[in-house]
Amino acid sequence: MPQDNYELSVSERTLEIITHPKNKVVLLDTNAIIPSRFLNDTYSCADCSALSREELNGLKKVVMESINLLEYPNAYVVSGVTEESKGFLNRFSERLKFFNKRERSIQRSYHSSSNRQHKLFLYSEIAEIINQLIKKERKKELKLEDKLLFDEIFTLVKKVSDVFGIKEPKQEEKIPRIYREDRVDHRTDEEIVGAAFYVALRDNIGCAVVSRDDHIRALIKISSKFVHYITFPCSLNGNKIVLYDPFTGNSAAYGFN
């Protein structure tokens, strides 16, 4: 992508890939469009009030843009993305409760500033918009007609993930113990990659994945070397999966060796 396009927003870059005529199906990792600062499990409730109004408005904007992107008929998610969004909403709601409780405590001692009140309103508004995103994701979950074939591909991708250690355990070590019990791996990365292979191979149409997740990149790259063994005699016909990073605008195409 040309360097002058770097100034495009995440949603504008994503829209480019959704509207590309070759991409008949686009799988959105909507959580990858939201800045990681807001998704991180280790982001403390105590820090939530430190977010500026500009940051909160930015978060509101990207969540609304994610909803708008799912309006396109060729844009889909997998069920694991919806589950992750529900987890995001739960964590965000906890921060909202903390901020609300803290605000009430402050109001007892002195008048709260209009800035803090506006931020509290923004938190409530964003929580409702995230809930709208989840409802939209449920409606746009990709339907898989050949469940047996998808299960085969999904099992292969999970095996690749485990054998090659793509999701390294040391990532867990960086998470405080208080958060580890609540952290659930929905195998969403594997589900996205499995669904992309399913679309490209069974339906024989162009498929793109929009994500900045390095795990997904590695899964596509390695799994593409093995997936054709279990999908034969499905037509390969030179199909490729395009992985698209909405933050940098970079893309990479992976074929089936």
C-alpha atoms as a PDB file:
ATOM      1  CA  MET A   1       0.000   0.000   0.000  1.00  0.00           C
ATOM      2  CA  PRO A   2       1.371   3.472  -0.821  1.00  0.00           C
ATOM      3  CA  GLN A   3       2.968   5.378   2.001  1.00  0.00           C
ATOM      4  CA  ASP A   4       0.558   8.315   1.650  1.00  0.00           C
ATOM      5  CA  ASN A   5      -2.278   5.971   2.694  1.00  0.00           C
ATOM      6  CA  TYR A   6      -0.670   5.537   6.101  1.00  0.00           C
ATOM      7  CA  GLU A   7      -2.703   8.472   7.393  1.00  0.00           C
ATOM      8  CA  LEU A   8      -5.961   6.666   6.676  1.00  0.00           C
ATOM      9  CA  SER A   9      -7.926   5.582   9.727  1.00  0.00           C
ATOM     10  CA  VAL A  10      -8.171   1.932  10.725  1.00  0.00           C
ATOM     11  CA  SER A  11     -11.756   1.757   9.474  1.00  0.00           C
ATOM     12  CA  GLU A  12     -10.824   3.361   6.134  1.00  0.00           C
ATOM     13  CA  ARG A  13      -8.053   0.818   5.607  1.00  0.00           C
ATOM     14  CA  THR A  14     -10.414  -2.002   6.582  1.00  0.00           C
ATOM     15  CA  LEU A  15     -13.063  -0.656   4.226  1.00  0.00           C
ATOM     16  CA  GLU A  16     -10.563  -0.838   1.362  1.00  0.00           C
ATOM     17  CA  ILE A  17     -10.131  -4.584   1.865  1.00  0.00           C
ATOM     18  CA  ILE A  18     -13.864  -5.216   2.389  1.00  0.00           C
ATOM     19  CA  THR A  19     -14.774  -3.482  -0.850  1.00  0.00           C
ATOM     20  CA  HIS A  20     -12.000  -5.102  -2.912  1.00  0.00           C
ATOM     21  CA  PRO A  21     -13.751  -7.160  -5.631  1.00  0.00           C
ATOM     22  CA  LYS A  22     -11.562 -10.241  -5.046  1.00  0.00           C
ATOM     23  CA  ASN A  23     -12.549 -10.527  -1.392  1.00  0.00           C
ATOM     24  CA  LYS A  24     -15.913 -12.245  -1.501  1.00  0.00           C
ATOM     25  CA  VAL A  25     -15.692 -13.022   2.222  1.00  0.00           C
ATOM     26  CA  VAL A  26     -13.863 -10.871   4.781  1.00  0.00           C
ATOM     27  CA  LEU A  27     -13.406 -12.191   8.309  1.00  0.00           C
ATOM     28  CA  LEU A  28     -13.078  -9.356  10.818  1.00  0.00           C
ATOM     29  CA  ASP A  29     -11.185  -9.753  14.043  1.00  0.00           C
ATOM     30  CA  THR A  30     -13.085  -6.788  15.472  1.00  0.00           C
ATOM     31  CA  ASN A  31     -11.154  -6.907  18.736  1.00  0.00           C
ATOM     32  CA  ALA A  32      -7.995  -6.305  16.710  1.00  0.00           C
ATOM     33  CA  ILE A  33      -9.426  -3.017  15.458  1.00  0.00           C
ATOM     34  CA  ILE A  34      -9.817  -1.733  19.029  1.00  0.00           C
ATOM     35  CA  PRO A  35      -6.533  -0.345  20.485  1.00  0.00           C
ATOM     36  CA  SER A  36      -4.900  -2.953  22.716  1.00  0.00           C
ATOM     37  CA  ARG A  37      -4.726  -0.561  25.677  1.00  0.00           C
ATOM     38  CA  PHE A  38      -8.479  -0.935  26.121  1.00  0.00           C
ATOM     39  CA  LEU A  39      -8.479  -4.720  25.641  1.00  0.00           C
ATOM     40  CA  ASN A  40      -5.605  -5.686  27.906  1.00  0.00           C
ATOM     41  CA  ASP A  41      -6.760  -7.821  30.837  1.00  0.00           C
ATOM     42  CA  THR A  42      -4.023  -6.310  33.000  1.00  0.00           C
ATOM     43  CA  TYR A  43      -5.306  -2.750  32.573  1.00  0.00           C
ATOM     44  CA  SER A  44      -6.222  -1.857  36.124  1.00  0.00           C
ATOM     45  CA  CYS A  45      -9.661  -0.571  37.136  1.00  0.00           C
ATOM     46  CA  ALA A  46      -7.832   1.967  39.263  1.00  0.00           C
ATOM     47  CA  ASP A  47      -6.365   3.508  36.099  1.00  0.00           C
ATOM     48  CA  CYS A  48      -9.625   3.919  34.220  1.00  0.00           C
ATOM     49  CA  SER A  49     -10.277   7.445  35.424  1.00  0.00           C
ATOM     50  CA  ALA A  50      -6.890   8.465  34.043  1.00  0.00           C
ATOM     51  CA  LEU A  51      -8.177   8.076  30.485  1.00  0.00           C
ATOM     52  CA  SER A  52      -8.726  11.433  28.826  1.00  0.00           C
ATOM     53  CA  ARG A  53     -11.970  12.446  27.161  1.00  0.00           C
ATOM     54  CA  GLU A  54     -10.117  12.327  23.842  1.00  0.00           C
ATOM     55  CA  GLU A  55      -9.108   8.692  24.446  1.00  0.00           C
ATOM     56  CA  LEU A  56     -12.632   7.727  25.420  1.00  0.00           C
ATOM     57  CA  ASN A  57     -14.068   9.457  22.360  1.00  0.00           C
ATOM     58  CA  GLY A  58     -11.500   7.604  20.262  1.00  0.00           C
ATOM     59  CA  LEU A  59     -12.612   4.276  21.713  1.00  0.00           C
ATOM     60  CA  LYS A  60     -16.245   5.177  21.098  1.00  0.00           C
ATOM     61  CA  LYS A  61     -15.424   5.986  17.489  1.00  0.00           C
ATOM     62  CA  VAL A  62     -13.626   2.722  16.695  1.00  0.00           C
ATOM     63  CA  VAL A  63     -16.364   0.582  18.262  1.00  0.00           C
ATOM     64  CA  MET A  64     -19.003   2.407  16.219  1.00  0.00           C
ATOM     65  CA  GLU A  65     -16.857   1.987  13.114  1.00  0.00           C
ATOM     66  CA  SER A  66     -16.631  -1.755  13.791  1.00  0.00           C
ATOM     67  CA  ILE A  67     -20.428  -1.928  13.854  1.00  0.00           C
ATOM     68  CA  ASN A  68     -20.597  -0.022  10.563  1.00  0.00           C
ATOM     69  CA  LEU A  69     -18.047  -2.329   8.901  1.00  0.00           C
ATOM     70  CA  LEU A  70     -20.201  -5.328   9.737  1.00  0.00           C
ATOM     71  CA  GLU A  71     -23.029  -3.772   7.721  1.00  0.00           C
ATOM     72  CA  TYR A  72     -21.259  -4.863   4.552  1.00  0.00           C
ATOM     73  CA  PRO A  73     -22.726  -8.124   3.220  1.00  0.00           C
ATOM     74  CA  ASN A  74     -19.332  -9.818   2.778  1.00  0.00           C
ATOM     75  CA  ALA A  75     -18.068  -8.924   6.290  1.00  0.00           C
ATOM     76  CA  TYR A  76     -18.329 -11.660   8.911  1.00  0.00           C
ATOM     77  CA  VAL A  77     -16.967 -12.774  12.272  1.00  0.00           C
ATOM     78  CA  VAL A  78     -16.584 -16.180  13.898  1.00  0.00           C
ATOM     79  CA  SER A  79     -18.289 -17.088  17.163  1.00  0.00           C
ATOM     80  CA  GLY A  80     -15.052 -16.756  19.146  1.00  0.00           C
ATOM     81  CA  VAL A  81     -14.829 -13.067  18.218  1.00  0.00           C
ATOM     82  CA  THR A  82     -18.287 -12.521  19.697  1.00  0.00           C
ATOM     83  CA  GLU A  83     -17.220 -14.292  22.902  1.00  0.00           C
ATOM     84  CA  GLU A  84     -14.118 -12.103  23.170  1.00  0.00           C
ATOM     85  CA  SER A  85     -16.233  -8.999  22.706  1.00  0.00           C
ATOM     86  CA  LYS A  86     -18.466 -10.172  25.558  1.00  0.00           C
ATOM     87  CA  GLY A  87     -15.351 -10.538  27.721  1.00  0.00           C
ATOM     88  CA  PHE A  88     -14.274  -7.032  26.728  1.00  0.00           C
ATOM     89  CA  LEU A  89     -17.700  -5.696  27.723  1.00  0.00           C
ATOM     90  CA  ASN A  90     -17.480  -7.445  31.098  1.00  0.00           C
ATOM     91  CA  ARG A  91     -14.066  -5.939  31.820  1.00  0.00           C
ATOM     92  CA  PHE A  92     -15.151  -2.515  30.623  1.00  0.00           C
ATOM     93  CA  SER A  93     -18.286  -2.698  32.772  1.00  0.00           C
ATOM     94  CA  GLU A  94     -16.145  -3.471  35.817  1.00  0.00           C
ATOM     95  CA  ARG A  95     -14.122  -0.338  35.129  1.00  0.00           C
ATOM     96  CA  LEU A  96     -17.320   1.642  34.752  1.00  0.00           C
ATOM     97  CA  LYS A  97     -18.593   0.372  38.128  1.00  0.00           C
ATOM     98  CA  PHE A  98     -15.286   1.288  39.766  1.00  0.00           C
ATOM     99  CA  PHE A  99     -15.297   4.768  38.242  1.00  0.00           C
ATOM    100  CA  ASN A 100     -18.958   5.284  39.175  1.00  0.00           C
ATOM    101  CA  LYS A 101     -18.323   4.244  42.782  1.00  0.00           C
ATOM    102  CA  ARG A 102     -15.282   6.477  42.969  1.00  0.00           C
ATOM    103  CA  GLU A 103     -17.248   9.393  41.530  1.00  0.00           C
ATOM    104  CA  ARG A 104     -19.999   9.028  44.128  1.00  0.00           C
ATOM    105  CA  SER A 105     -17.371   9.050  46.862  1.00  0.00           C
ATOM    106  CA  ILE A 106     -15.873  12.251  45.488  1.00  0.00           C
ATOM    107  CA  GLN A 107     -19.281  13.922  45.245  1.00  0.00           C
ATOM    108  CA  ARG A 108     -19.823  13.354  48.967  1.00  0.00           C
ATOM    109  CA  SER A 109     -16.751  15.383  49.832  1.00  0.00           C
ATOM    110  CA  TYR A 110     -16.856  18.116  47.188  1.00  0.00           C
ATOM    111  CA  HIS A 111     -18.461  18.930  43.876  1.00  0.00           C
ATOM    112  CA  SER A 112     -17.275  16.756  41.043  1.00  0.00           C
ATOM    113  CA  SER A 113     -15.902  18.562  38.016  1.00  0.00           C
ATOM    114  CA  SER A 114     -17.924  18.685  34.806  1.00  0.00           C
ATOM    115  CA  ASN A 115     -15.017  16.911  33.083  1.00  0.00           C
ATOM    116  CA  ARG A 116     -15.319  13.874  35.369  1.00  0.00           C
ATOM    117  CA  GLN A 117     -19.089  13.807  34.953  1.00  0.00           C
ATOM    118  CA  HIS A 118     -18.719  13.915  31.188  1.00  0.00           C
ATOM    119  CA  LYS A 119     -16.195  11.060  31.305  1.00  0.00           C
ATOM    120  CA  LEU A 120     -18.608   9.014  33.391  1.00  0.00           C
ATOM    121  CA  PHE A 121     -21.301   9.634  30.792  1.00  0.00           C
ATOM    122  CA  LEU A 122     -18.881   8.559  28.047  1.00  0.00           C
ATOM    123  CA  TYR A 123     -18.089   5.306  29.900  1.00  0.00           C
ATOM    124  CA  SER A 124     -21.808   4.496  30.098  1.00  0.00           C
ATOM    125  CA  GLU A 125     -22.319   5.380  26.447  1.00  0.00           C
ATOM    126  CA  ILE A 126     -19.382   3.228  25.303  1.00  0.00           C
ATOM    127  CA  ALA A 127     -20.628   0.239  27.312  1.00  0.00           C
ATOM    128  CA  GLU A 128     -23.953   0.451  25.469  1.00  0.00           C
ATOM    129  CA  ILE A 129     -22.211   0.727  22.090  1.00  0.00           C
ATOM    130  CA  ILE A 130     -20.067  -2.349  22.854  1.00  0.00           C
ATOM    131  CA  ASN A 131     -23.300  -4.186  23.643  1.00  0.00           C
ATOM    132  CA  GLN A 132     -24.624  -3.123  20.224  1.00  0.00           C
ATOM    133  CA  LEU A 133     -21.431  -4.459  18.636  1.00  0.00           C
ATOM    134  CA  ILE A 134     -21.965  -7.852  20.284  1.00  0.00           C
ATOM    135  CA  LYS A 135     -25.542  -8.009  18.967  1.00  0.00           C
ATOM    136  CA  LYS A 136     -24.284  -7.175  15.470  1.00  0.00           C
ATOM    137  CA  GLU A 137     -21.528  -9.784  15.681  1.00  0.00           C
ATOM    138  CA  ARG A 138     -24.042 -12.466  16.636  1.00  0.00           C
ATOM    139  CA  LYS A 139     -26.007 -11.707  13.471  1.00  0.00           C
ATOM    140  CA  LYS A 140     -22.878 -11.722  11.286  1.00  0.00           C
ATOM    141  CA  GLU A 141     -21.299 -14.960  12.500  1.00  0.00           C
ATOM    142  CA  LEU A 142     -20.183 -16.982   9.483  1.00  0.00           C
ATOM    143  CA  LYS A 143     -22.474 -19.923   8.725  1.00  0.00           C
ATOM    144  CA  LEU A 144     -20.630 -23.157   7.907  1.00  0.00           C
ATOM    145  CA  GLU A 145     -22.662 -25.575   5.829  1.00  0.00           C
ATOM    146  CA  ASP A 146     -20.125 -28.416   5.895  1.00  0.00           C
ATOM    147  CA  LYS A 147     -19.516 -28.644   9.630  1.00  0.00           C
ATOM    148  CA  LEU A 148     -17.532 -31.890   9.352  1.00  0.00           C
ATOM    149  CA  LEU A 149     -15.040 -30.342   6.947  1.00  0.00           C
ATOM    150  CA  PHE A 150     -14.661 -27.239   9.101  1.00  0.00           C
ATOM    151  CA  ASP A 151     -14.084 -29.400  12.195  1.00  0.00           C
ATOM    152  CA  GLU A 152     -11.281 -31.212  10.355  1.00  0.00           C
ATOM    153  CA  ILE A 153      -9.616 -27.965   9.373  1.00  0.00           C
ATOM    154  CA  PHE A 154     -10.168 -26.431  12.822  1.00  0.00           C
ATOM    155  CA  THR A 155      -8.606 -29.488  14.490  1.00  0.00           C
ATOM    156  CA  LEU A 156      -5.580 -29.247  12.202  1.00  0.00           C
ATOM    157  CA  VAL A 157      -5.079 -25.541  12.922  1.00  0.00           C
ATOM    158  CA  LYS A 158      -5.352 -26.141  16.691  1.00  0.00           C
ATOM    159  CA  LYS A 159      -2.772 -28.930  16.383  1.00  0.00           C
ATOM    160  CA  VAL A 160      -0.435 -26.612  14.479  1.00  0.00           C
ATOM    161  CA  SER A 161      -0.891 -23.983  17.187  1.00  0.00           C
ATOM    162  CA  ASP A 162      -0.061 -26.467  19.952  1.00  0.00           C
ATOM    163  CA  VAL A 163       2.801 -28.337  18.252  1.00  0.00           C
ATOM    164  CA  PHE A 164       4.583 -25.230  17.011  1.00  0.00           C
ATOM    165  CA  GLY A 165       3.945 -23.287  20.253  1.00  0.00           C
ATOM    166  CA  ILE A 166       2.458 -20.341  18.424  1.00  0.00           C
ATOM    167  CA  LYS A 167       0.726 -19.119  21.579  1.00  0.00           C
ATOM    168  CA  GLU A 168       3.706 -19.172  23.863  1.00  0.00           C
ATOM    169  CA  PRO A 169       3.002 -19.783  27.580  1.00  0.00           C
ATOM    170  CA  LYS A 170       5.361 -16.985  28.575  1.00  0.00           C
ATOM    171  CA  GLN A 171       2.684 -14.520  27.546  1.00  0.00           C
ATOM    172  CA  GLU A 172       0.682 -15.801  30.513  1.00  0.00           C
ATOM    173  CA  GLU A 173       3.577 -15.074  32.854  1.00  0.00           C
ATOM    174  CA  LYS A 174       3.181 -11.370  32.160  1.00  0.00           C
ATOM    175  CA  ILE A 175      -0.380 -11.431  33.466  1.00  0.00           C
ATOM    176  CA  PRO A 176      -0.829 -10.830  37.214  1.00  0.00           C
ATOM    177  CA  ARG A 177      -2.146 -13.877  39.055  1.00  0.00           C
ATOM    178  CA  ILE A 178      -5.368 -12.067  39.947  1.00  0.00           C
ATOM    179  CA  TYR A 179      -6.352 -12.071  36.252  1.00  0.00           C
ATOM    180  CA  ARG A 180      -5.193 -15.554  35.218  1.00  0.00           C
ATOM    181  CA  GLU A 181      -8.223 -17.481  36.442  1.00  0.00           C
ATOM    182  CA  ASP A 182     -10.585 -15.248  34.433  1.00  0.00           C
ATOM    183  CA  ARG A 183      -8.533 -15.467  31.250  1.00  0.00           C
ATOM    184  CA  VAL A 184     -10.152 -17.955  28.852  1.00  0.00           C
ATOM    185  CA  ASP A 185      -8.660 -19.004  25.524  1.00  0.00           C
ATOM    186  CA  HIS A 186     -11.632 -19.368  23.191  1.00  0.00           C
ATOM    187  CA  ARG A 187      -9.221 -20.555  20.449  1.00  0.00           C
ATOM    188  CA  THR A 188     -10.535 -17.615  18.443  1.00  0.00           C
ATOM    189  CA  ASP A 189      -7.334 -17.234  16.417  1.00  0.00           C
ATOM    190  CA  GLU A 190      -7.558 -20.880  15.360  1.00  0.00           C
ATOM    191  CA  GLU A 191     -11.266 -20.515  14.559  1.00  0.00           C
ATOM    192  CA  ILE A 192     -10.647 -17.464  12.350  1.00  0.00           C
ATOM    193  CA  VAL A 193      -7.875 -19.231  10.446  1.00  0.00           C
ATOM    194  CA  GLY A 194      -9.918 -22.428  10.126  1.00  0.00           C
ATOM    195  CA  ALA A 195     -12.879 -20.466   8.773  1.00  0.00           C
ATOM    196  CA  ALA A 196     -10.636 -18.650   6.260  1.00  0.00           C
ATOM    197  CA  PHE A 197      -9.267 -21.955   4.926  1.00  0.00           C
ATOM    198  CA  TYR A 198     -12.785 -23.362   4.802  1.00  0.00           C
ATOM    199  CA  VAL A 199     -14.049 -20.454   2.686  1.00  0.00           C
ATOM    200  CA  ALA A 200     -11.052 -20.389   0.332  1.00  0.00           C
ATOM    201  CA  LEU A 201     -10.966 -24.148  -0.198  1.00  0.00           C
ATOM    202  CA  ARG A 202     -14.521 -25.434  -0.001  1.00  0.00           C
ATOM    203  CA  ASP A 203     -16.367 -22.446  -1.433  1.00  0.00           C
ATOM    204  CA  ASN A 204     -13.504 -21.668  -3.836  1.00  0.00           C
ATOM    205  CA  ILE A 205     -13.764 -17.903  -3.368  1.00  0.00           C
ATOM    206  CA  GLY A 206     -11.397 -15.168  -2.262  1.00  0.00           C
ATOM    207  CA  CYS A 207     -11.128 -14.680   1.486  1.00  0.00           C
ATOM    208  CA  ALA A 208      -9.434 -11.953   3.504  1.00  0.00           C
ATOM    209  CA  VAL A 209      -8.724 -11.793   7.228  1.00  0.00           C
ATOM    210  CA  VAL A 210      -8.516  -8.384   8.908  1.00  0.00           C
ATOM    211  CA  SER A 211      -6.368  -8.640  12.028  1.00  0.00           C
ATOM    212  CA  ARG A 212      -3.132  -7.357  13.524  1.00  0.00           C
ATOM    213  CA  ASP A 213      -2.672 -10.512  15.608  1.00  0.00           C
ATOM    214  CA  ASP A 214       0.748 -12.111  15.062  1.00  0.00           C
ATOM    215  CA  HIS A 215      -0.686 -15.468  16.192  1.00  0.00           C
ATOM    216  CA  ILE A 216      -3.100 -15.432  13.264  1.00  0.00           C
ATOM    217  CA  ARG A 217      -0.302 -14.550  10.860  1.00  0.00           C
ATOM    218  CA  ALA A 218       1.818 -17.467  12.070  1.00  0.00           C
ATOM    219  CA  LEU A 219      -1.149 -19.865  12.043  1.00  0.00           C
ATOM    220  CA  ILE A 220      -2.018 -19.036   8.431  1.00  0.00           C
ATOM    221  CA  LYS A 221       1.598 -19.257   7.295  1.00  0.00           C
ATOM    222  CA  ILE A 222       2.307 -22.650   8.882  1.00  0.00           C
ATOM    223  CA  SER A 223      -1.127 -24.270   8.480  1.00  0.00           C
ATOM    224  CA  SER A 224      -1.172 -23.477   4.750  1.00  0.00           C
ATOM    225  CA  LYS A 225       1.600 -26.048   4.321  1.00  0.00           C
ATOM    226  CA  PHE A 226      -0.574 -28.835   5.701  1.00  0.00           C
ATOM    227  CA  VAL A 227      -4.229 -27.997   5.160  1.00  0.00           C
ATOM    228  CA  HIS A 228      -4.462 -29.261   1.569  1.00  0.00           C
ATOM    229  CA  TYR A 229      -3.835 -32.821   2.734  1.00  0.00           C
ATOM    230  CA  ILE A 230      -7.172 -33.034   4.514  1.00  0.00           C
ATOM    231  CA  THR A 231      -9.166 -30.891   2.086  1.00  0.00           C
ATOM    232  CA  PHE A 232      -8.302 -32.897  -1.024  1.00  0.00           C
ATOM    233  CA  PRO A 233     -10.122 -33.275  -3.416  1.00  0.00           C
ATOM    234  CA  CYS A 234     -11.478 -29.762  -2.733  1.00  0.00           C
ATOM    235  CA  SER A 235     -10.481 -27.388  -5.486  1.00  0.00           C
ATOM    236  CA  LEU A 236      -7.384 -25.329  -4.676  1.00  0.00           C
ATOM    237  CA  ASN A 237      -7.233 -23.431  -7.968  1.00  0.00           C
ATOM    238  CA  GLY A 238      -4.484 -21.143  -6.702  1.00  0.00           C
ATOM    239  CA  ASN A 239      -6.708 -19.557  -4.065  1.00  0.00           C
ATOM    240  CA  LYS A 240      -4.972 -17.478  -1.437  1.00  0.00           C
ATOM    241  CA  ILE A 241      -5.888 -15.983   1.904  1.00  0.00           C
ATOM    242  CA  VAL A 242      -5.017 -12.318   2.310  1.00  0.00           C
ATOM    243  CA  LEU A 243      -4.107 -11.231   5.837  1.00  0.00           C
ATOM    244  CA  TYR A 244      -4.578  -7.504   6.297  1.00  0.00           C
ATOM    245  CA  ASP A 245      -3.273  -5.350   9.138  1.00  0.00           C
ATOM    246  CA  PRO A 246      -5.704  -2.420   9.596  1.00  0.00           C
ATOM    247  CA  PHE A 247      -3.198  -0.395  11.650  1.00  0.00           C
ATOM    248  CA  THR A 248      -0.282  -0.380   9.205  1.00  0.00           C
ATOM    249  CA  GLY A 249      -2.121  -1.080   5.963  1.00  0.00           C
ATOM    250  CA  ASN A 250       0.257  -3.972   5.236  1.00  0.00           C
ATOM    251  CA  SER A 251      -1.085  -7.128   3.627  1.00  0.00           C
ATOM    252  CA  ALA A 252       0.284 -10.588   2.850  1.00  0.00           C
ATOM    253  CA  ALA A 253      -1.157 -13.353   0.665  1.00  0.00           C
ATOM    254  CA  TYR A 254      -0.735 -17.004   1.645  1.00  0.00           C
ATOM    255  CA  GLY A 255      -1.279 -19.861  -0.796  1.00  0.00           C
ATOM    256  CA  PHE A 256      -1.469 -23.596  -0.222  1.00  0.00           C
ATOM    257  CA  ASN A 257       1.776 -25.434  -0.822  1.00  0.00           C
END
